[in-house]
Structure formats: structure tokens, C-alpha cells
Amino acid sequence: MGHGGVFRILICHFLGIDYKHWWQFTLGVGSVTVLDIYPEGSILEKLNDKSHLS
């Protein structure tokens, strides 16, 4: 599971998604994921962005 697994669980937590769906998020090596966390809720800005690698 490694770091990617931990991040996928955190995404589920902050977006209010059931933890059983953690495996449905893809986080590649060197990718960028941005999750903005606010008192009112969270916004997933980027997921698995690799544009900086090209």
C-alpha cells in the first residue's frame, strides 16, 4: 500500500467517501494531488497530475 495508499485513504476521509473505495484512486509515482481543506468541506483540485513531468 505504501504512501499512495495512505494518501488515498486521506482523500476518502476528507471528501466523505466510504473507505472501501480507497483503491479507486490512482496516484502515480511523481504525480501531484491537491486537496484543499476548509472548515465547510474539502475540494479535490488535482488528482494524479503528471503534467510537470513532460
PDB file of N, CA and C in Angstrom:
ATOM      1  N   MET A   1       0.830  -1.181   0.000  1.00  0.00           N
ATOM      2  CA  MET A   1       0.000   0.000   0.000  1.00  0.00           C
ATOM      3  C   MET A   1       0.874   1.244   0.000  1.00  0.00           C
ATOM      4  N   GLY A   2       1.899   1.323   0.802  1.00  0.00           N
ATOM      5  CA  GLY A   2       2.854   2.433   0.788  1.00  0.00           C
ATOM      6  C   GLY A   2       2.224   3.795   0.990  1.00  0.00           C
ATOM      7  N   HIS A   3       2.948   4.837   0.584  1.00  0.00           N
ATOM      8  CA  HIS A   3       2.468   6.202   0.748  1.00  0.00           C
ATOM      9  C   HIS A   3       1.199   6.459  -0.052  1.00  0.00           C
ATOM     10  N   GLY A   4       1.130   5.909  -1.255  1.00  0.00           N
ATOM     11  CA  GLY A   4      -0.048   6.109  -2.100  1.00  0.00           C
ATOM     12  C   GLY A   4      -1.318   5.642  -1.416  1.00  0.00           C
ATOM     13  N   GLY A   5      -1.243   4.531  -0.712  1.00  0.00           N
ATOM     14  CA  GLY A   5      -2.409   4.019  -0.001  1.00  0.00           C
ATOM     15  C   GLY A   5      -2.864   4.950   1.103  1.00  0.00           C
ATOM     16  N   VAL A   6      -1.906   5.486   1.830  1.00  0.00           N
ATOM     17  CA  VAL A   6      -2.226   6.435   2.903  1.00  0.00           C
ATOM     18  C   VAL A   6      -2.896   7.671   2.315  1.00  0.00           C
ATOM     19  N   PHE A   7      -2.361   8.196   1.231  1.00  0.00           N
ATOM     20  CA  PHE A   7      -2.946   9.378   0.600  1.00  0.00           C
ATOM     21  C   PHE A   7      -4.348   9.089   0.074  1.00  0.00           C
ATOM     22  N   ARG A   8      -4.551   7.905  -0.466  1.00  0.00           N
ATOM     23  CA  ARG A   8      -5.889   7.560  -0.971  1.00  0.00           C
ATOM     24  C   ARG A   8      -6.897   7.466   0.162  1.00  0.00           C
ATOM     25  N   ILE A   9      -6.484   6.944   1.310  1.00  0.00           N
ATOM     26  CA  ILE A   9      -7.368   6.904   2.476  1.00  0.00           C
ATOM     27  C   ILE A   9      -7.687   8.321   2.943  1.00  0.00           C
ATOM     28  N   LEU A  10      -6.684   9.202   2.938  1.00  0.00           N
ATOM     29  CA  LEU A  10      -6.910  10.600   3.338  1.00  0.00           C
ATOM     30  C   LEU A  10      -7.871  11.303   2.378  1.00  0.00           C
ATOM     31  N   ILE A  11      -7.743  11.034   1.087  1.00  0.00           N
ATOM     32  CA  ILE A  11      -8.679  11.610   0.115  1.00  0.00           C
ATOM     33  C   ILE A  11     -10.100  11.171   0.441  1.00  0.00           C
ATOM     34  N   CYS A  12     -10.287   9.891   0.685  1.00  0.00           N
ATOM     35  CA  CYS A  12     -11.616   9.387   1.056  1.00  0.00           C
ATOM     36  C   CYS A  12     -12.123  10.082   2.313  1.00  0.00           C
ATOM     37  N   HIS A  13     -11.283  10.184   3.301  1.00  0.00           N
ATOM     38  CA  HIS A  13     -11.678  10.801   4.573  1.00  0.00           C
ATOM     39  C   HIS A  13     -12.155  12.238   4.365  1.00  0.00           C
ATOM     40  N   PHE A  14     -11.319  13.051   3.717  1.00  0.00           N
ATOM     41  CA  PHE A  14     -11.639  14.466   3.590  1.00  0.00           C
ATOM     42  C   PHE A  14     -12.754  14.765   2.595  1.00  0.00           C
ATOM     43  N   LEU A  15     -13.017  13.846   1.664  1.00  0.00           N
ATOM     44  CA  LEU A  15     -14.122  14.041   0.731  1.00  0.00           C
ATOM     45  C   LEU A  15     -15.395  13.328   1.175  1.00  0.00           C
ATOM     46  N   GLY A  16     -15.332  12.630   2.307  1.00  0.00           N
ATOM     47  CA  GLY A  16     -16.516  11.953   2.827  1.00  0.00           C
ATOM     48  C   GLY A  16     -16.915  10.718   2.036  1.00  0.00           C
ATOM     49  N   ILE A  17     -15.934  10.081   1.407  1.00  0.00           N
ATOM     50  CA  ILE A  17     -16.171   8.872   0.612  1.00  0.00           C
ATOM     51  C   ILE A  17     -15.886   7.660   1.486  1.00  0.00           C
ATOM     52  N   ASP A  18     -16.716   6.640   1.385  1.00  0.00           N
ATOM     53  CA  ASP A  18     -16.515   5.421   2.166  1.00  0.00           C
ATOM     54  C   ASP A  18     -15.121   4.858   1.902  1.00  0.00           C
ATOM     55  N   TYR A  19     -14.434   4.452   2.956  1.00  0.00           N
ATOM     56  CA  TYR A  19     -13.056   3.959   2.851  1.00  0.00           C
ATOM     57  C   TYR A  19     -12.900   2.741   1.950  1.00  0.00           C
ATOM     58  N   LYS A  20     -13.972   2.007   1.737  1.00  0.00           N
ATOM     59  CA  LYS A  20     -13.862   0.818   0.880  1.00  0.00           C
ATOM     60  C   LYS A  20     -13.550   1.183  -0.572  1.00  0.00           C
ATOM     61  N   HIS A  21     -13.640   2.464  -0.918  1.00  0.00           N
ATOM     62  CA  HIS A  21     -13.348   2.914  -2.286  1.00  0.00           C
ATOM     63  C   HIS A  21     -11.925   3.460  -2.452  1.00  0.00           C
ATOM     64  N   TRP A  22     -11.068   3.305  -1.433  1.00  0.00           N
ATOM     65  CA  TRP A  22      -9.710   3.862  -1.471  1.00  0.00           C
ATOM     66  C   TRP A  22      -8.936   3.413  -2.697  1.00  0.00           C
ATOM     67  N   TRP A  23      -9.142   2.197  -3.140  1.00  0.00           N
ATOM     68  CA  TRP A  23      -8.378   1.620  -4.235  1.00  0.00           C
ATOM     69  C   TRP A  23      -8.765   2.207  -5.595  1.00  0.00           C
ATOM     70  N   GLN A  24      -9.866   2.959  -5.680  1.00  0.00           N
ATOM     71  CA  GLN A  24     -10.330   3.507  -6.957  1.00  0.00           C
ATOM     72  C   GLN A  24      -9.582   4.779  -7.376  1.00  0.00           C
ATOM     73  N   PHE A  25      -8.747   5.309  -6.499  1.00  0.00           N
ATOM     74  CA  PHE A  25      -7.938   6.481  -6.835  1.00  0.00           C
ATOM     75  C   PHE A  25      -6.561   6.020  -7.304  1.00  0.00           C
ATOM     76  N   THR A  26      -6.077   6.582  -8.420  1.00  0.00           N
ATOM     77  CA  THR A  26      -4.755   6.260  -8.933  1.00  0.00           C
ATOM     78  C   THR A  26      -3.806   7.404  -8.609  1.00  0.00           C
ATOM     79  N   LEU A  27      -2.708   7.090  -7.943  1.00  0.00           N
ATOM     80  CA  LEU A  27      -1.682   8.073  -7.615  1.00  0.00           C
ATOM     81  C   LEU A  27      -0.350   7.521  -8.094  1.00  0.00           C
ATOM     82  N   GLY A  28       0.092   7.995  -9.239  1.00  0.00           N
ATOM     83  CA  GLY A  28       1.331   7.508  -9.836  1.00  0.00           C
ATOM     84  C   GLY A  28       2.561   8.114  -9.186  1.00  0.00           C
ATOM     85  N   VAL A  29       3.687   7.487  -9.421  1.00  0.00           N
ATOM     86  CA  VAL A  29       4.967   7.957  -8.904  1.00  0.00           C
ATOM     87  C   VAL A  29       5.255   9.342  -9.476  1.00  0.00           C
ATOM     88  N   GLY A  30       5.553  10.292  -8.622  1.00  0.00           N
ATOM     89  CA  GLY A  30       5.879  11.651  -9.048  1.00  0.00           C
ATOM     90  C   GLY A  30       4.673  12.509  -9.380  1.00  0.00           C
ATOM     91  N   SER A  31       3.475  11.981  -9.195  1.00  0.00           N
ATOM     92  CA  SER A  31       2.276  12.760  -9.518  1.00  0.00           C
ATOM     93  C   SER A  31       1.965  13.766  -8.414  1.00  0.00           C
ATOM     94  N   VAL A  32       1.136  14.742  -8.761  1.00  0.00           N
ATOM     95  CA  VAL A  32       0.724  15.775  -7.812  1.00  0.00           C
ATOM     96  C   VAL A  32      -0.775  15.650  -7.585  1.00  0.00           C
ATOM     97  N   THR A  33      -1.169  15.629  -6.323  1.00  0.00           N
ATOM     98  CA  THR A  33      -2.570  15.650  -5.942  1.00  0.00           C
ATOM     99  C   THR A  33      -2.748  16.798  -4.962  1.00  0.00           C
ATOM    100  N   VAL A  34      -3.752  17.635  -5.216  1.00  0.00           N
ATOM    101  CA  VAL A  34      -4.005  18.798  -4.366  1.00  0.00           C
ATOM    102  C   VAL A  34      -5.411  18.687  -3.806  1.00  0.00           C
ATOM    103  N   LEU A  35      -5.504  18.693  -2.485  1.00  0.00           N
ATOM    104  CA  LEU A  35      -6.780  18.629  -1.787  1.00  0.00           C
ATOM    105  C   LEU A  35      -6.853  19.847  -0.871  1.00  0.00           C
ATOM    106  N   ASP A  36      -7.765  20.770  -1.181  1.00  0.00           N
ATOM    107  CA  ASP A  36      -7.944  21.962  -0.355  1.00  0.00           C
ATOM    108  C   ASP A  36      -8.931  21.628   0.757  1.00  0.00           C
ATOM    109  N   ILE A  37      -8.514  21.861   1.995  1.00  0.00           N
ATOM    110  CA  ILE A  37      -9.332  21.500   3.148  1.00  0.00           C
ATOM    111  C   ILE A  37      -9.801  22.770   3.850  1.00  0.00           C
ATOM    112  N   TYR A  38     -11.115  22.907   3.977  1.00  0.00           N
ATOM    113  CA  TYR A  38     -11.752  24.058   4.611  1.00  0.00           C
ATOM    114  C   TYR A  38     -12.693  23.568   5.710  1.00  0.00           C
ATOM    115  N   PRO A  39     -13.034  24.433   6.652  1.00  0.00           N
ATOM    116  CA  PRO A  39     -13.990  24.029   7.697  1.00  0.00           C
ATOM    117  C   PRO A  39     -15.331  23.563   7.111  1.00  0.00           C
ATOM    118  N   GLU A  40     -15.729  24.148   5.978  1.00  0.00           N
ATOM    119  CA  GLU A  40     -17.015  23.804   5.356  1.00  0.00           C
ATOM    120  C   GLU A  40     -16.955  22.518   4.551  1.00  0.00           C
ATOM    121  N   GLY A  41     -15.766  22.056   4.216  1.00  0.00           N
ATOM    122  CA  GLY A  41     -15.613  20.857   3.397  1.00  0.00           C
ATOM    123  C   GLY A  41     -14.324  20.914   2.596  1.00  0.00           C
ATOM    124  N   SER A  42     -14.092  19.914   1.804  1.00  0.00           N
ATOM    125  CA  SER A  42     -12.840  19.802   1.041  1.00  0.00           C
ATOM    126  C   SER A  42     -13.118  19.800  -0.456  1.00  0.00           C
ATOM    127  N   ILE A  43     -12.115  20.262  -1.222  1.00  0.00           N
ATOM    128  CA  ILE A  43     -12.207  20.307  -2.677  1.00  0.00           C
ATOM    129  C   ILE A  43     -10.977  19.599  -3.250  1.00  0.00           C
ATOM    130  N   LEU A  44     -11.209  18.656  -4.138  1.00  0.00           N
ATOM    131  CA  LEU A  44     -10.119  17.975  -4.830  1.00  0.00           C
ATOM    132  C   LEU A  44      -9.770  18.797  -6.058  1.00  0.00           C
ATOM    133  N   GLU A  45      -8.650  19.509  -6.013  1.00  0.00           N
ATOM    134  CA  GLU A  45      -8.222  20.398  -7.093  1.00  0.00           C
ATOM    135  C   GLU A  45      -7.503  19.635  -8.210  1.00  0.00           C
ATOM    136  N   LYS A  46      -6.629  18.712  -7.838  1.00  0.00           N
ATOM    137  CA  LYS A  46      -5.873  17.911  -8.807  1.00  0.00           C
ATOM    138  C   LYS A  46      -5.772  16.490  -8.286  1.00  0.00           C
ATOM    139  N   LEU A  47      -5.774  15.555  -9.204  1.00  0.00           N
ATOM    140  CA  LEU A  47      -5.601  14.154  -8.849  1.00  0.00           C
ATOM    141  C   LEU A  47      -4.675  13.507  -9.865  1.00  0.00           C
ATOM    142  N   ASN A  48      -3.552  12.991  -9.384  1.00  0.00           N
ATOM    143  CA  ASN A  48      -2.615  12.242 -10.227  1.00  0.00           C
ATOM    144  C   ASN A  48      -2.093  13.072 -11.407  1.00  0.00           C
ATOM    145  N   ASP A  49      -1.867  14.342 -11.197  1.00  0.00           N
ATOM    146  CA  ASP A  49      -1.375  15.236 -12.255  1.00  0.00           C
ATOM    147  C   ASP A  49       0.111  14.978 -12.501  1.00  0.00           C
ATOM    148  N   LYS A  50       0.444  14.675 -13.752  1.00  0.00           N
ATOM    149  CA  LYS A  50       1.837  14.408 -14.124  1.00  0.00           C
ATOM    150  C   LYS A  50       2.332  15.376 -15.177  1.00  0.00           C
ATOM    151  N   SER A  51       1.610  16.490 -15.381  1.00  0.00           N
ATOM    152  CA  SER A  51       1.972  17.437 -16.434  1.00  0.00           C
ATOM    153  C   SER A  51       3.353  18.031 -16.236  1.00  0.00           C
ATOM    154  N   HIS A  52       3.824  18.111 -15.009  1.00  0.00           N
ATOM    155  CA  HIS A  52       5.142  18.670 -14.742  1.00  0.00           C
ATOM    156  C   HIS A  52       6.280  17.734 -15.151  1.00  0.00           C
ATOM    157  N   LEU A  53       5.969  16.502 -15.475  1.00  0.00           N
ATOM    158  CA  LEU A  53       6.983  15.513 -15.825  1.00  0.00           C
ATOM    159  C   LEU A  53       7.294  15.496 -17.321  1.00  0.00           C
ATOM    160  N   SER A  54       6.468  16.136 -18.120  1.00  0.00           N
ATOM    161  CA  SER A  54       6.699  16.071 -19.574  1.00  0.00           C
ATOM    162  C   SER A  54       7.567  17.183 -20.098  1.00  0.00           C
TER     163      SER A  54
END
